Amino acid sequence: MSGLVTDNRFADPDAALRILTEAHRPLTEAESADLNARLVLILANHVGDATVLAEAVALARRAMDEKR
């Protein structure tokens, strides 16, 4: 894989959002944070490319900084 892909790659983006939303529905805030941490690590391992991971982290941080 070369570079971070930011285009939508889901055939049904709403279904993907529902999966993530439903996974958090029965959880406390702390449990939800734990689920997110585990999910990030699992997906980062799936990506398997530190450069792409660094790009994704930078993009997420920029988005957070823009919200401030």
C-alpha atoms as a PDB file:
ATOM      1  CA  MET A   1       0.000   0.000   0.000  1.00  0.00           C
ATOM      2  CA  SER A   2       1.387   3.399  -0.863  1.00  0.00           C
ATOM      3  CA  GLY A   3      -0.007   6.375   0.985  1.00  0.00           C
ATOM      4  CA  LEU A   4      -3.115   6.885   3.012  1.00  0.00           C
ATOM      5  CA  VAL A   5      -6.379   6.318   1.144  1.00  0.00           C
ATOM      6  CA  THR A   6      -8.998   8.859   2.249  1.00  0.00           C
ATOM      7  CA  ASP A   7     -11.631   8.226  -0.403  1.00  0.00           C
ATOM      8  CA  ASN A   8     -14.720   6.326   0.716  1.00  0.00           C
ATOM      9  CA  ARG A   9     -14.155   2.633   0.093  1.00  0.00           C
ATOM     10  CA  PHE A  10     -17.383   1.312   1.615  1.00  0.00           C
ATOM     11  CA  ALA A  11     -20.126   0.085  -0.676  1.00  0.00           C
ATOM     12  CA  ASP A  12     -22.574   1.158   2.057  1.00  0.00           C
ATOM     13  CA  PRO A  13     -21.036   3.858   4.291  1.00  0.00           C
ATOM     14  CA  ASP A  14     -24.212   4.073   6.391  1.00  0.00           C
ATOM     15  CA  ALA A  15     -23.938   0.377   7.235  1.00  0.00           C
ATOM     16  CA  ALA A  16     -20.322   0.884   8.316  1.00  0.00           C
ATOM     17  CA  LEU A  17     -21.355   3.764  10.569  1.00  0.00           C
ATOM     18  CA  ARG A  18     -24.161   1.642  12.048  1.00  0.00           C
ATOM     19  CA  ILE A  19     -21.683  -1.139  12.872  1.00  0.00           C
ATOM     20  CA  LEU A  20     -19.467   1.294  14.763  1.00  0.00           C
ATOM     21  CA  THR A  21     -22.385   3.015  16.485  1.00  0.00           C
ATOM     22  CA  GLU A  22     -24.010  -0.227  17.577  1.00  0.00           C
ATOM     23  CA  ALA A  23     -20.706  -1.555  18.948  1.00  0.00           C
ATOM     24  CA  HIS A  24     -20.656   1.369  21.399  1.00  0.00           C
ATOM     25  CA  ARG A  25     -24.343   1.497  22.292  1.00  0.00           C
ATOM     26  CA  PRO A  26     -24.349  -0.712  25.412  1.00  0.00           C
ATOM     27  CA  LEU A  27     -20.993   0.538  26.741  1.00  0.00           C
ATOM     28  CA  THR A  28     -19.999   3.026  29.398  1.00  0.00           C
ATOM     29  CA  GLU A  29     -17.765   5.927  28.366  1.00  0.00           C
ATOM     30  CA  ALA A  30     -14.692   4.091  29.712  1.00  0.00           C
ATOM     31  CA  GLU A  31     -15.654   0.853  27.948  1.00  0.00           C
ATOM     32  CA  SER A  32     -16.223   2.796  24.735  1.00  0.00           C
ATOM     33  CA  ALA A  33     -12.744   4.334  24.990  1.00  0.00           C
ATOM     34  CA  ASP A  34     -11.283   0.849  25.563  1.00  0.00           C
ATOM     35  CA  LEU A  35     -13.134  -0.494  22.514  1.00  0.00           C
ATOM     36  CA  ASN A  36     -11.809   2.392  20.402  1.00  0.00           C
ATOM     37  CA  ALA A  37      -8.241   1.744  21.565  1.00  0.00           C
ATOM     38  CA  ARG A  38      -8.515  -1.957  20.721  1.00  0.00           C
ATOM     39  CA  LEU A  39     -10.117  -1.212  17.366  1.00  0.00           C
ATOM     40  CA  VAL A  40      -7.372   1.261  16.472  1.00  0.00           C
ATOM     41  CA  LEU A  41      -4.667  -1.273  17.293  1.00  0.00           C
ATOM     42  CA  ILE A  42      -6.396  -4.043  15.328  1.00  0.00           C
ATOM     43  CA  LEU A  43      -6.896  -1.829  12.271  1.00  0.00           C
ATOM     44  CA  ALA A  44      -3.368  -0.374  12.520  1.00  0.00           C
ATOM     45  CA  ASN A  45      -2.017  -3.922  12.487  1.00  0.00           C
ATOM     46  CA  HIS A  46      -4.208  -4.683   9.467  1.00  0.00           C
ATOM     47  CA  VAL A  47      -2.736  -1.678   7.632  1.00  0.00           C
ATOM     48  CA  GLY A  48       0.733  -2.882   8.560  1.00  0.00           C
ATOM     49  CA  ASP A  49       2.550   0.210   7.292  1.00  0.00           C
ATOM     50  CA  ALA A  50       4.039   2.672   9.785  1.00  0.00           C
ATOM     51  CA  THR A  51       4.194   5.452   7.195  1.00  0.00           C
ATOM     52  CA  VAL A  52       0.492   5.132   6.394  1.00  0.00           C
ATOM     53  CA  LEU A  53      -0.290   4.921  10.100  1.00  0.00           C
ATOM     54  CA  ALA A  54       1.679   8.140  10.713  1.00  0.00           C
ATOM     55  CA  GLU A  55      -0.278   9.852   7.909  1.00  0.00           C
ATOM     56  CA  ALA A  56      -3.567   8.737   9.447  1.00  0.00           C
ATOM     57  CA  VAL A  57      -2.540   9.958  12.912  1.00  0.00           C
ATOM     58  CA  ALA A  58      -1.482  13.327  11.485  1.00  0.00           C
ATOM     59  CA  LEU A  59      -4.778  13.676   9.593  1.00  0.00           C
ATOM     60  CA  ALA A  60      -6.803  12.834  12.694  1.00  0.00           C
ATOM     61  CA  ARG A  61      -4.795  15.278  14.824  1.00  0.00           C
ATOM     62  CA  ARG A  62      -5.241  18.077  12.268  1.00  0.00           C
ATOM     63  CA  ALA A  63      -8.983  17.473  12.277  1.00  0.00           C
ATOM     64  CA  MET A  64      -9.049  17.655  16.086  1.00  0.00           C
ATOM     65  CA  ASP A  65      -6.940  20.810  16.117  1.00  0.00           C
ATOM     66  CA  GLU A  66      -9.286  22.463  13.613  1.00  0.00           C
ATOM     67  CA  LYS A  67     -12.237  21.787  15.944  1.00  0.00           C
ATOM     68  CA  ARG A  68     -10.568  23.689  18.804  1.00  0.00           C
END
